Amino acid sequence: MYITKLAQIENIQEIIDIARQTWPKTYQNILSHGQISYMLDLMYNAETLATQMNNGVSFVVIVENDKTFGFISYENLAPIESEPFIKVHKLYVHPDYHGKGSGKKLIQVAEDAARNASIQYLQLNVNKHNKSVDFYLANGFYVKKEMVLEIGNGYVMDDFVMEKLVK
């Protein structure tokens, strides 16, 4: 049985390990090896994750038999956005656990956070060519818009911005 729990600073290495295990397989046919390495180093280092945790980004891990195999991070952007929403920054599940309901359970965690804050929308960015687009569509998200974001070193993120109405 899977359980979810709010991640703490001591869970940062587990989060980094999951990202490093999932990213190469997830993005191997979408991004260059150089861009994958650049983004992992940029976004999944202990200092960056600790700063996010200390500045209002919630990280929730999913665990089975004391093994952490996935996580979601999200942030309440209602105070700074004209149309309030919960921003899902990251959602990754180890490939061995795909198709077993754990991703859906992590989305439900963000939905619960939205409901508890009286916010009606979840929003996230996903690479346009990532097969998880189908997962998000199947879980009630729709494509709100497209965007290309420069991230440095000559790399861009070519994404869909997806949104879900939380009922």
C-alpha atoms as a PDB file:
ATOM      1  CA  MET A   1       0.000   0.000   0.000  1.00  0.00           C
ATOM      2  CA  TYR A   2       1.265   3.430  -0.944  1.00  0.00           C
ATOM      3  CA  ILE A   3       1.424   6.242   1.573  1.00  0.00           C
ATOM      4  CA  THR A   4       2.160   9.903   0.947  1.00  0.00           C
ATOM      5  CA  LYS A   5       3.958  12.184   3.356  1.00  0.00           C
ATOM      6  CA  LEU A   6       5.212  15.726   3.384  1.00  0.00           C
ATOM      7  CA  ALA A   7       8.902  15.678   2.511  1.00  0.00           C
ATOM      8  CA  GLN A   8      11.436  17.256   4.821  1.00  0.00           C
ATOM      9  CA  ILE A   9      15.009  18.392   4.260  1.00  0.00           C
ATOM     10  CA  GLU A  10      16.181  14.840   5.069  1.00  0.00           C
ATOM     11  CA  ASN A  11      14.202  13.572   2.035  1.00  0.00           C
ATOM     12  CA  ILE A  12      16.077  15.759  -0.456  1.00  0.00           C
ATOM     13  CA  GLN A  13      18.558  13.060  -1.477  1.00  0.00           C
ATOM     14  CA  GLU A  14      15.673  10.650  -2.177  1.00  0.00           C
ATOM     15  CA  ILE A  15      14.058  13.287  -4.415  1.00  0.00           C
ATOM     16  CA  ILE A  16      17.349  13.839  -6.263  1.00  0.00           C
ATOM     17  CA  ASP A  17      17.797  10.077  -6.704  1.00  0.00           C
ATOM     18  CA  ILE A  18      14.293   9.654  -8.163  1.00  0.00           C
ATOM     19  CA  ALA A  19      14.863  12.527 -10.598  1.00  0.00           C
ATOM     20  CA  ARG A  20      18.191  11.067 -11.709  1.00  0.00           C
ATOM     21  CA  GLN A  21      16.575   7.637 -12.194  1.00  0.00           C
ATOM     22  CA  THR A  22      13.535   8.904 -14.119  1.00  0.00           C
ATOM     23  CA  TRP A  23      14.814  11.779 -16.246  1.00  0.00           C
ATOM     24  CA  PRO A  24      17.119   9.893 -18.628  1.00  0.00           C
ATOM     25  CA  LYS A  25      14.395   7.397 -19.535  1.00  0.00           C
ATOM     26  CA  THR A  26      11.638  10.028 -19.661  1.00  0.00           C
ATOM     27  CA  TYR A  27      13.522  12.537 -21.803  1.00  0.00           C
ATOM     28  CA  GLN A  28      15.997  10.417 -23.808  1.00  0.00           C
ATOM     29  CA  ASN A  29      13.997  10.797 -27.028  1.00  0.00           C
ATOM     30  CA  ILE A  30      12.985  14.404 -26.378  1.00  0.00           C
ATOM     31  CA  LEU A  31      16.041  16.277 -25.072  1.00  0.00           C
ATOM     32  CA  SER A  32      19.760  16.012 -25.707  1.00  0.00           C
ATOM     33  CA  HIS A  33      21.935  14.314 -23.103  1.00  0.00           C
ATOM     34  CA  GLY A  34      23.516  17.722 -22.491  1.00  0.00           C
ATOM     35  CA  GLN A  35      20.176  19.385 -21.769  1.00  0.00           C
ATOM     36  CA  ILE A  36      19.093  16.556 -19.451  1.00  0.00           C
ATOM     37  CA  SER A  37      22.337  16.886 -17.474  1.00  0.00           C
ATOM     38  CA  TYR A  38      22.084  20.675 -17.400  1.00  0.00           C
ATOM     39  CA  MET A  39      18.498  20.652 -16.137  1.00  0.00           C
ATOM     40  CA  LEU A  40      19.128  17.943 -13.529  1.00  0.00           C
ATOM     41  CA  ASP A  41      22.119  19.876 -12.185  1.00  0.00           C
ATOM     42  CA  LEU A  42      20.150  23.131 -12.216  1.00  0.00           C
ATOM     43  CA  MET A  43      16.898  21.919 -10.662  1.00  0.00           C
ATOM     44  CA  TYR A  44      17.833  18.869  -8.609  1.00  0.00           C
ATOM     45  CA  ASN A  45      20.608  19.817  -6.266  1.00  0.00           C
ATOM     46  CA  ALA A  46      20.326  19.917  -2.487  1.00  0.00           C
ATOM     47  CA  GLU A  47      20.648  23.699  -2.204  1.00  0.00           C
ATOM     48  CA  THR A  48      17.953  24.469  -4.802  1.00  0.00           C
ATOM     49  CA  LEU A  49      15.488  21.953  -3.342  1.00  0.00           C
ATOM     50  CA  ALA A  50      16.092  23.139   0.237  1.00  0.00           C
ATOM     51  CA  THR A  51      15.532  26.752  -0.851  1.00  0.00           C
ATOM     52  CA  GLN A  52      12.255  25.758  -2.503  1.00  0.00           C
ATOM     53  CA  MET A  53      11.117  23.848   0.596  1.00  0.00           C
ATOM     54  CA  ASN A  54      11.960  26.844   2.793  1.00  0.00           C
ATOM     55  CA  ASN A  55      10.104  29.264   0.495  1.00  0.00           C
ATOM     56  CA  GLY A  56       6.620  27.798   0.273  1.00  0.00           C
ATOM     57  CA  VAL A  57       7.007  24.919  -2.178  1.00  0.00           C
ATOM     58  CA  SER A  58       5.542  21.732  -0.728  1.00  0.00           C
ATOM     59  CA  PHE A  59       7.159  18.431  -1.609  1.00  0.00           C
ATOM     60  CA  VAL A  60       5.237  15.219  -0.980  1.00  0.00           C
ATOM     61  CA  VAL A  61       6.837  11.815  -1.428  1.00  0.00           C
ATOM     62  CA  ILE A  62       5.085   8.534  -2.070  1.00  0.00           C
ATOM     63  CA  VAL A  63       6.385   5.467  -0.253  1.00  0.00           C
ATOM     64  CA  GLU A  64       5.845   1.717  -0.269  1.00  0.00           C
ATOM     65  CA  ASN A  65       7.511  -0.530   2.320  1.00  0.00           C
ATOM     66  CA  ASP A  66       9.851   2.300   3.389  1.00  0.00           C
ATOM     67  CA  LYS A  67      10.975   2.855  -0.242  1.00  0.00           C
ATOM     68  CA  THR A  68      10.373   6.315  -1.653  1.00  0.00           C
ATOM     69  CA  PHE A  69       9.624   5.973  -5.366  1.00  0.00           C
ATOM     70  CA  GLY A  70       7.958   9.225  -6.394  1.00  0.00           C
ATOM     71  CA  PHE A  71       7.236  12.812  -5.485  1.00  0.00           C
ATOM     72  CA  ILE A  72       5.234  15.891  -6.341  1.00  0.00           C
ATOM     73  CA  SER A  73       6.046  19.506  -5.580  1.00  0.00           C
ATOM     74  CA  TYR A  74       3.512  22.308  -5.707  1.00  0.00           C
ATOM     75  CA  GLU A  75       3.013  25.880  -4.602  1.00  0.00           C
ATOM     76  CA  ASN A  76       0.030  28.068  -3.838  1.00  0.00           C
ATOM     77  CA  LEU A  77       0.384  30.982  -6.264  1.00  0.00           C
ATOM     78  CA  ALA A  78      -2.927  32.609  -5.302  1.00  0.00           C
ATOM     79  CA  PRO A  79      -1.240  35.526  -3.501  1.00  0.00           C
ATOM     80  CA  ILE A  80       0.649  36.622  -6.629  1.00  0.00           C
ATOM     81  CA  GLU A  81      -1.616  35.623  -9.519  1.00  0.00           C
ATOM     82  CA  SER A  82      -4.759  37.422 -10.694  1.00  0.00           C
ATOM     83  CA  GLU A  83      -6.349  34.016 -11.358  1.00  0.00           C
ATOM     84  CA  PRO A  84      -5.379  31.902  -8.321  1.00  0.00           C
ATOM     85  CA  PHE A  85      -4.040  28.383  -8.836  1.00  0.00           C
ATOM     86  CA  ILE A  86      -1.817  25.733  -7.314  1.00  0.00           C
ATOM     87  CA  LYS A  87       1.277  25.337  -9.480  1.00  0.00           C
ATOM     88  CA  VAL A  88       2.544  21.766  -9.777  1.00  0.00           C
ATOM     89  CA  HIS A  89       6.274  22.211 -10.308  1.00  0.00           C
ATOM     90  CA  LYS A  90       7.417  18.595 -10.387  1.00  0.00           C
ATOM     91  CA  LEU A  91       5.834  15.151 -10.520  1.00  0.00           C
ATOM     92  CA  TYR A  92       7.993  12.100 -11.038  1.00  0.00           C
ATOM     93  CA  VAL A  93       7.474   8.427 -10.318  1.00  0.00           C
ATOM     94  CA  HIS A  94      10.172   5.805 -10.753  1.00  0.00           C
ATOM     95  CA  PRO A  95       9.504   3.884 -14.013  1.00  0.00           C
ATOM     96  CA  ASP A  96       9.062   0.591 -12.093  1.00  0.00           C
ATOM     97  CA  TYR A  97       5.912   2.080 -10.532  1.00  0.00           C
ATOM     98  CA  HIS A  98       4.297   3.546 -13.658  1.00  0.00           C
ATOM     99  CA  GLY A  99       0.721   2.462 -14.365  1.00  0.00           C
ATOM    100  CA  LYS A 100      -0.021   1.521 -10.757  1.00  0.00           C
ATOM    101  CA  GLY A 101      -1.977   4.593  -9.639  1.00  0.00           C
ATOM    102  CA  SER A 102       0.802   6.384  -7.797  1.00  0.00           C
ATOM    103  CA  GLY A 103       0.900   9.393 -10.150  1.00  0.00           C
ATOM    104  CA  LYS A 104      -2.838   9.810  -9.772  1.00  0.00           C
ATOM    105  CA  LYS A 105      -2.485   9.630  -5.988  1.00  0.00           C
ATOM    106  CA  LEU A 106       0.140  12.402  -6.095  1.00  0.00           C
ATOM    107  CA  ILE A 107      -2.148  14.588  -8.236  1.00  0.00           C
ATOM    108  CA  GLN A 108      -4.869  14.051  -5.620  1.00  0.00           C
ATOM    109  CA  VAL A 109      -2.493  15.452  -2.984  1.00  0.00           C
ATOM    110  CA  ALA A 110      -2.230  18.705  -4.971  1.00  0.00           C
ATOM    111  CA  GLU A 111      -5.993  18.726  -5.541  1.00  0.00           C
ATOM    112  CA  ASP A 112      -6.555  18.412  -1.786  1.00  0.00           C
ATOM    113  CA  ALA A 113      -4.186  21.326  -1.194  1.00  0.00           C
ATOM    114  CA  ALA A 114      -6.186  23.397  -3.684  1.00  0.00           C
ATOM    115  CA  ARG A 115      -9.500  22.501  -2.043  1.00  0.00           C
ATOM    116  CA  ASN A 116      -8.112  23.294   1.415  1.00  0.00           C
ATOM    117  CA  ALA A 117      -7.029  26.722   0.146  1.00  0.00           C
ATOM    118  CA  SER A 118     -10.347  27.292  -1.702  1.00  0.00           C
ATOM    119  CA  ILE A 119      -8.518  27.369  -5.043  1.00  0.00           C
ATOM    120  CA  GLN A 120     -10.239  25.972  -8.124  1.00  0.00           C
ATOM    121  CA  TYR A 121      -7.313  25.231 -10.440  1.00  0.00           C
ATOM    122  CA  LEU A 122      -4.139  23.204 -10.675  1.00  0.00           C
ATOM    123  CA  GLN A 123      -1.657  24.239 -13.320  1.00  0.00           C
ATOM    124  CA  LEU A 124       1.559  22.664 -14.592  1.00  0.00           C
ATOM    125  CA  ASN A 125       4.013  22.768 -17.464  1.00  0.00           C
ATOM    126  CA  VAL A 126       4.903  19.624 -19.387  1.00  0.00           C
ATOM    127  CA  ASN A 127       7.140  19.103 -22.398  1.00  0.00           C
ATOM    128  CA  LYS A 128       4.927  18.927 -25.505  1.00  0.00           C
ATOM    129  CA  HIS A 129       6.496  15.599 -26.520  1.00  0.00           C
ATOM    130  CA  ASN A 130       6.420  13.938 -23.086  1.00  0.00           C
ATOM    131  CA  LYS A 131       4.149  10.891 -23.027  1.00  0.00           C
ATOM    132  CA  SER A 132       2.860  12.095 -19.647  1.00  0.00           C
ATOM    133  CA  VAL A 133       0.720  14.605 -21.579  1.00  0.00           C
ATOM    134  CA  ASP A 134      -1.668  11.671 -22.103  1.00  0.00           C
ATOM    135  CA  PHE A 135      -1.587  10.918 -18.357  1.00  0.00           C
ATOM    136  CA  TYR A 136      -2.540  14.498 -17.543  1.00  0.00           C
ATOM    137  CA  LEU A 137      -5.309  14.568 -20.149  1.00  0.00           C
ATOM    138  CA  ALA A 138      -6.714  11.304 -18.744  1.00  0.00           C
ATOM    139  CA  ASN A 139      -6.689  12.881 -15.277  1.00  0.00           C
ATOM    140  CA  GLY A 140      -8.773  15.916 -16.171  1.00  0.00           C
ATOM    141  CA  PHE A 141      -6.173  18.426 -17.351  1.00  0.00           C
ATOM    142  CA  TYR A 142      -6.510  20.356 -20.578  1.00  0.00           C
ATOM    143  CA  VAL A 143      -3.997  22.362 -22.594  1.00  0.00           C
ATOM    144  CA  LYS A 144      -4.420  26.008 -21.676  1.00  0.00           C
ATOM    145  CA  LYS A 145      -1.581  27.366 -23.838  1.00  0.00           C
ATOM    146  CA  GLU A 146       1.860  26.651 -25.253  1.00  0.00           C
ATOM    147  CA  MET A 147       5.067  28.324 -24.177  1.00  0.00           C
ATOM    148  CA  VAL A 148       8.771  28.257 -24.909  1.00  0.00           C
ATOM    149  CA  LEU A 149      10.957  29.235 -21.970  1.00  0.00           C
ATOM    150  CA  GLU A 150      14.692  29.924 -22.215  1.00  0.00           C
ATOM    151  CA  ILE A 151      16.485  28.229 -19.318  1.00  0.00           C
ATOM    152  CA  GLY A 152      20.101  29.133 -20.050  1.00  0.00           C
ATOM    153  CA  ASN A 153      23.056  27.538 -21.791  1.00  0.00           C
ATOM    154  CA  GLY A 154      21.177  27.823 -25.104  1.00  0.00           C
ATOM    155  CA  TYR A 155      18.432  25.436 -23.924  1.00  0.00           C
ATOM    156  CA  VAL A 156      14.674  25.952 -23.914  1.00  0.00           C
ATOM    157  CA  MET A 157      11.673  24.230 -22.433  1.00  0.00           C
ATOM    158  CA  ASP A 158       9.033  23.709 -25.145  1.00  0.00           C
ATOM    159  CA  ASP A 159       5.939  23.116 -23.040  1.00  0.00           C
ATOM    160  CA  PHE A 160       2.222  22.918 -22.779  1.00  0.00           C
ATOM    161  CA  VAL A 161       0.742  24.785 -19.857  1.00  0.00           C
ATOM    162  CA  MET A 162      -1.971  22.438 -18.638  1.00  0.00           C
ATOM    163  CA  GLU A 163      -4.755  23.210 -16.200  1.00  0.00           C
ATOM    164  CA  LYS A 164      -7.344  21.267 -14.249  1.00  0.00           C
ATOM    165  CA  LEU A 165     -10.498  22.447 -12.570  1.00  0.00           C
ATOM    166  CA  VAL A 166     -10.591  21.099  -9.036  1.00  0.00           C
ATOM    167  CA  LYS A 167     -14.113  20.252  -7.940  1.00  0.00           C
END
